[in-house]
Amino acid sequence: MSTLCGADCSGCSFKASCKGCAATCGSPFGGICTAAEYIKKNGRESYGGYKADLLREINVFLRNNGLPEATVLFELTGFMVNMAYELPNGETAKFLDDRNVYLGTQMEYGDRFLGVISDGSFILVSSYGANGSDPELIAYVTGKE
């Protein structure tokens, strides 16, 4: 499977149903891929720099909020990371599009995990238990681009 960003999709459990972003013009799941959109506009050569800049920006936010810093960003599909968060009014909400591909990571956070997701226009930070159980929204910051 050929990718635009160079991601290694060989271990992905969805590769049987995915044609890859090169074959789908950057829309492997029918939505918008953050990596593909950047590469189409700016070229693959500068994509690593874009990810590094976004990681620095995310880490400034995490550091300023007393949270552990991230070390790497991965291309992640929305349907794998789109959790339903309980809002203060008792309702639940999802903030991502299952069809899109975002940049994000997770790290240990006490007895839970800390997840960070971005498409360059927002940063979403959450904590959750094993297998995404009991997700809690920590922050959703918009207005980045």
C-alpha atoms as a PDB file:
ATOM      1  CA  MET A   1       0.000   0.000   0.000  1.00  0.00           C
ATOM      2  CA  SER A   2       1.405   3.371  -0.991  1.00  0.00           C
ATOM      3  CA  THR A   3       1.148   6.413   1.269  1.00  0.00           C
ATOM      4  CA  LEU A   4       1.723  10.105   0.644  1.00  0.00           C
ATOM      5  CA  CYS A   5       3.351  10.776   4.026  1.00  0.00           C
ATOM      6  CA  GLY A   6       5.526   7.691   4.337  1.00  0.00           C
ATOM      7  CA  ALA A   7       3.548   6.150   7.215  1.00  0.00           C
ATOM      8  CA  ASP A   8       4.122   2.434   7.712  1.00  0.00           C
ATOM      9  CA  CYS A   9       0.660   0.942   7.274  1.00  0.00           C
ATOM     10  CA  SER A  10       1.868  -2.670   7.271  1.00  0.00           C
ATOM     11  CA  GLY A  11       0.744  -3.266  10.862  1.00  0.00           C
ATOM     12  CA  CYS A  12      -2.634  -1.562  10.541  1.00  0.00           C
ATOM     13  CA  SER A  13      -5.582  -3.843  11.217  1.00  0.00           C
ATOM     14  CA  PHE A  14      -7.664  -1.911   8.665  1.00  0.00           C
ATOM     15  CA  LYS A  15      -5.307  -2.356   5.705  1.00  0.00           C
ATOM     16  CA  ALA A  16      -7.560  -5.004   4.138  1.00  0.00           C
ATOM     17  CA  SER A  17     -10.358  -2.435   3.755  1.00  0.00           C
ATOM     18  CA  CYS A  18      -8.111   0.529   2.931  1.00  0.00           C
ATOM     19  CA  LYS A  19      -6.700   1.290  -0.492  1.00  0.00           C
ATOM     20  CA  GLY A  20      -4.142   3.710   0.940  1.00  0.00           C
ATOM     21  CA  CYS A  21      -3.941   7.444   0.634  1.00  0.00           C
ATOM     22  CA  ALA A  22      -1.948   7.480  -2.610  1.00  0.00           C
ATOM     23  CA  ALA A  23      -4.695   5.525  -4.409  1.00  0.00           C
ATOM     24  CA  THR A  24      -7.460   7.675  -2.896  1.00  0.00           C
ATOM     25  CA  CYS A  25      -5.829  11.101  -3.345  1.00  0.00           C
ATOM     26  CA  GLY A  26      -5.360  11.462   0.410  1.00  0.00           C
ATOM     27  CA  SER A  27      -8.772  10.235   1.553  1.00  0.00           C
ATOM     28  CA  PRO A  28      -8.242   6.600   2.585  1.00  0.00           C
ATOM     29  CA  PHE A  29     -11.413   6.494   4.714  1.00  0.00           C
ATOM     30  CA  GLY A  30     -13.452   9.059   2.776  1.00  0.00           C
ATOM     31  CA  GLY A  31     -12.540  12.066   4.899  1.00  0.00           C
ATOM     32  CA  ILE A  32      -9.694  14.543   5.175  1.00  0.00           C
ATOM     33  CA  CYS A  33      -6.187  13.367   6.030  1.00  0.00           C
ATOM     34  CA  THR A  34      -4.164  16.030   7.839  1.00  0.00           C
ATOM     35  CA  ALA A  35      -0.894  14.655   6.438  1.00  0.00           C
ATOM     36  CA  ALA A  36      -2.122  14.372   2.850  1.00  0.00           C
ATOM     37  CA  GLU A  37      -3.609  17.874   2.855  1.00  0.00           C
ATOM     38  CA  TYR A  38      -0.348  19.355   4.111  1.00  0.00           C
ATOM     39  CA  ILE A  39       1.771  17.377   1.647  1.00  0.00           C
ATOM     40  CA  LYS A  40      -0.439  18.298  -1.335  1.00  0.00           C
ATOM     41  CA  LYS A  41       0.023  22.007  -0.516  1.00  0.00           C
ATOM     42  CA  ASN A  42       3.620  22.081   0.742  1.00  0.00           C
ATOM     43  CA  GLY A  43       5.390  18.900  -0.398  1.00  0.00           C
ATOM     44  CA  ARG A  44       6.517  15.785   1.407  1.00  0.00           C
ATOM     45  CA  GLU A  45       9.996  17.179   2.090  1.00  0.00           C
ATOM     46  CA  SER A  46       8.638  19.708   4.610  1.00  0.00           C
ATOM     47  CA  TYR A  47       6.104  17.388   6.280  1.00  0.00           C
ATOM     48  CA  GLY A  48       8.544  16.261   8.977  1.00  0.00           C
ATOM     49  CA  GLY A  49       9.137  19.906   9.886  1.00  0.00           C
ATOM     50  CA  TYR A  50       5.393  20.529  10.062  1.00  0.00           C
ATOM     51  CA  LYS A  51       4.957  17.599  12.452  1.00  0.00           C
ATOM     52  CA  ALA A  52       7.889  18.808  14.578  1.00  0.00           C
ATOM     53  CA  ASP A  53       6.433  22.343  14.742  1.00  0.00           C
ATOM     54  CA  LEU A  54       2.996  21.001  15.708  1.00  0.00           C
ATOM     55  CA  LEU A  55       4.572  18.763  18.352  1.00  0.00           C
ATOM     56  CA  ARG A  56       6.399  21.773  19.833  1.00  0.00           C
ATOM     57  CA  GLU A  57       3.139  23.737  19.921  1.00  0.00           C
ATOM     58  CA  ILE A  58       1.321  20.835  21.581  1.00  0.00           C
ATOM     59  CA  ASN A  59       4.098  20.480  24.146  1.00  0.00           C
ATOM     60  CA  VAL A  60       3.943  24.175  25.047  1.00  0.00           C
ATOM     61  CA  PHE A  61       0.235  23.690  25.762  1.00  0.00           C
ATOM     62  CA  LEU A  62       0.835  20.484  27.740  1.00  0.00           C
ATOM     63  CA  ARG A  63       3.712  22.002  29.741  1.00  0.00           C
ATOM     64  CA  ASN A  64       1.697  25.147  30.529  1.00  0.00           C
ATOM     65  CA  ASN A  65      -1.072  22.936  31.910  1.00  0.00           C
ATOM     66  CA  GLY A  66       1.166  20.706  34.036  1.00  0.00           C
ATOM     67  CA  LEU A  67       0.798  17.688  31.732  1.00  0.00           C
ATOM     68  CA  PRO A  68       3.547  15.368  30.435  1.00  0.00           C
ATOM     69  CA  GLU A  69       5.060  16.209  27.063  1.00  0.00           C
ATOM     70  CA  ALA A  70       4.570  14.114  23.945  1.00  0.00           C
ATOM     71  CA  THR A  71       7.583  12.729  22.078  1.00  0.00           C
ATOM     72  CA  VAL A  72       6.104  11.840  18.685  1.00  0.00           C
ATOM     73  CA  LEU A  73       2.969  12.307  16.567  1.00  0.00           C
ATOM     74  CA  PHE A  74       1.409   9.499  14.529  1.00  0.00           C
ATOM     75  CA  GLU A  75      -1.188   9.542  11.764  1.00  0.00           C
ATOM     76  CA  LEU A  76      -4.357   8.215  13.467  1.00  0.00           C
ATOM     77  CA  THR A  77      -7.775   7.534  11.958  1.00  0.00           C
ATOM     78  CA  GLY A  78     -10.736   9.262  13.555  1.00  0.00           C
ATOM     79  CA  PHE A  79     -12.705   6.070  14.125  1.00  0.00           C
ATOM     80  CA  MET A  80      -9.849   4.724  16.263  1.00  0.00           C
ATOM     81  CA  VAL A  81      -9.574   7.776  18.533  1.00  0.00           C
ATOM     82  CA  ASN A  82     -12.980   9.473  18.455  1.00  0.00           C
ATOM     83  CA  MET A  83     -14.297   8.981  21.985  1.00  0.00           C
ATOM     84  CA  ALA A  84     -17.605  10.143  23.450  1.00  0.00           C
ATOM     85  CA  TYR A  85     -16.984  12.539  26.341  1.00  0.00           C
ATOM     86  CA  GLU A  86     -19.504  13.365  29.049  1.00  0.00           C
ATOM     87  CA  LEU A  87     -20.196  17.090  29.163  1.00  0.00           C
ATOM     88  CA  PRO A  88     -21.038  19.089  32.323  1.00  0.00           C
ATOM     89  CA  ASN A  89     -24.749  18.996  31.379  1.00  0.00           C
ATOM     90  CA  GLY A  90     -24.700  15.166  31.361  1.00  0.00           C
ATOM     91  CA  GLU A  91     -24.875  14.803  27.581  1.00  0.00           C
ATOM     92  CA  THR A  92     -22.094  13.138  25.610  1.00  0.00           C
ATOM     93  CA  ALA A  93     -20.301  14.501  22.567  1.00  0.00           C
ATOM     94  CA  LYS A  94     -17.676  13.428  20.060  1.00  0.00           C
ATOM     95  CA  PHE A  95     -15.364  16.069  18.610  1.00  0.00           C
ATOM     96  CA  LEU A  96     -13.737  14.251  15.684  1.00  0.00           C
ATOM     97  CA  ASP A  97     -14.857  12.940  12.317  1.00  0.00           C
ATOM     98  CA  ASP A  98     -14.475   9.153  12.125  1.00  0.00           C
ATOM     99  CA  ARG A  99     -13.473   9.397   8.432  1.00  0.00           C
ATOM    100  CA  ASN A 100     -10.586  11.833   8.955  1.00  0.00           C
ATOM    101  CA  VAL A 101      -6.945  11.131   9.720  1.00  0.00           C
ATOM    102  CA  TYR A 102      -5.363  13.250  12.471  1.00  0.00           C
ATOM    103  CA  LEU A 103      -1.958  13.616  14.100  1.00  0.00           C
ATOM    104  CA  GLY A 104      -1.781  12.393  17.656  1.00  0.00           C
ATOM    105  CA  THR A 105      -0.218  10.263  20.333  1.00  0.00           C
ATOM    106  CA  GLN A 106      -0.838   8.735  23.721  1.00  0.00           C
ATOM    107  CA  MET A 107       1.312   8.427  26.829  1.00  0.00           C
ATOM    108  CA  GLU A 108       0.991   6.968  30.289  1.00  0.00           C
ATOM    109  CA  TYR A 109      -0.646   9.340  32.750  1.00  0.00           C
ATOM    110  CA  GLY A 110      -0.698   7.828  36.228  1.00  0.00           C
ATOM    111  CA  ASP A 111      -2.927   4.751  36.052  1.00  0.00           C
ATOM    112  CA  ARG A 112      -4.550   6.095  32.854  1.00  0.00           C
ATOM    113  CA  PHE A 113      -3.457   7.324  29.447  1.00  0.00           C
ATOM    114  CA  LEU A 114      -3.216  10.840  28.085  1.00  0.00           C
ATOM    115  CA  GLY A 115      -4.208  11.268  24.451  1.00  0.00           C
ATOM    116  CA  VAL A 116      -3.489  14.255  22.222  1.00  0.00           C
ATOM    117  CA  ILE A 117      -5.066  14.761  18.781  1.00  0.00           C
ATOM    118  CA  SER A 118      -4.732  17.651  16.310  1.00  0.00           C
ATOM    119  CA  ASP A 119      -5.342  18.535  12.690  1.00  0.00           C
ATOM    120  CA  GLY A 120      -3.452  21.814  12.950  1.00  0.00           C
ATOM    121  CA  SER A 121      -6.604  23.851  13.698  1.00  0.00           C
ATOM    122  CA  PHE A 122      -7.266  22.440  17.196  1.00  0.00           C
ATOM    123  CA  ILE A 123      -5.656  20.493  20.011  1.00  0.00           C
ATOM    124  CA  LEU A 124      -7.753  17.899  21.867  1.00  0.00           C
ATOM    125  CA  VAL A 125      -6.346  16.477  25.105  1.00  0.00           C
ATOM    126  CA  SER A 126      -8.062  13.686  27.026  1.00  0.00           C
ATOM    127  CA  SER A 127      -7.378  11.011  29.595  1.00  0.00           C
ATOM    128  CA  TYR A 128      -8.807   7.500  29.515  1.00  0.00           C
ATOM    129  CA  GLY A 129      -8.448   4.016  30.899  1.00  0.00           C
ATOM    130  CA  ALA A 130      -7.433   0.820  29.133  1.00  0.00           C
ATOM    131  CA  ASN A 131      -8.914   0.401  25.643  1.00  0.00           C
ATOM    132  CA  GLY A 132     -10.339   3.940  25.749  1.00  0.00           C
ATOM    133  CA  SER A 133     -12.593   3.277  28.742  1.00  0.00           C
ATOM    134  CA  ASP A 134     -13.970   6.118  30.859  1.00  0.00           C
ATOM    135  CA  PRO A 135     -12.700   8.981  28.668  1.00  0.00           C
ATOM    136  CA  GLU A 136     -12.431  12.463  30.181  1.00  0.00           C
ATOM    137  CA  LEU A 137     -11.976  15.581  28.080  1.00  0.00           C
ATOM    138  CA  ILE A 138      -9.193  17.749  29.496  1.00  0.00           C
ATOM    139  CA  ALA A 139      -9.078  20.445  26.794  1.00  0.00           C
ATOM    140  CA  TYR A 140     -10.280  21.251  23.321  1.00  0.00           C
ATOM    141  CA  VAL A 141      -8.500  24.358  22.047  1.00  0.00           C
ATOM    142  CA  THR A 142      -9.449  25.842  18.658  1.00  0.00           C
ATOM    143  CA  GLY A 143      -8.409  28.784  16.557  1.00  0.00           C
ATOM    144  CA  LYS A 144      -4.919  27.566  15.746  1.00  0.00           C
ATOM    145  CA  GLU A 145      -4.839  28.300  11.988  1.00  0.00           C
END
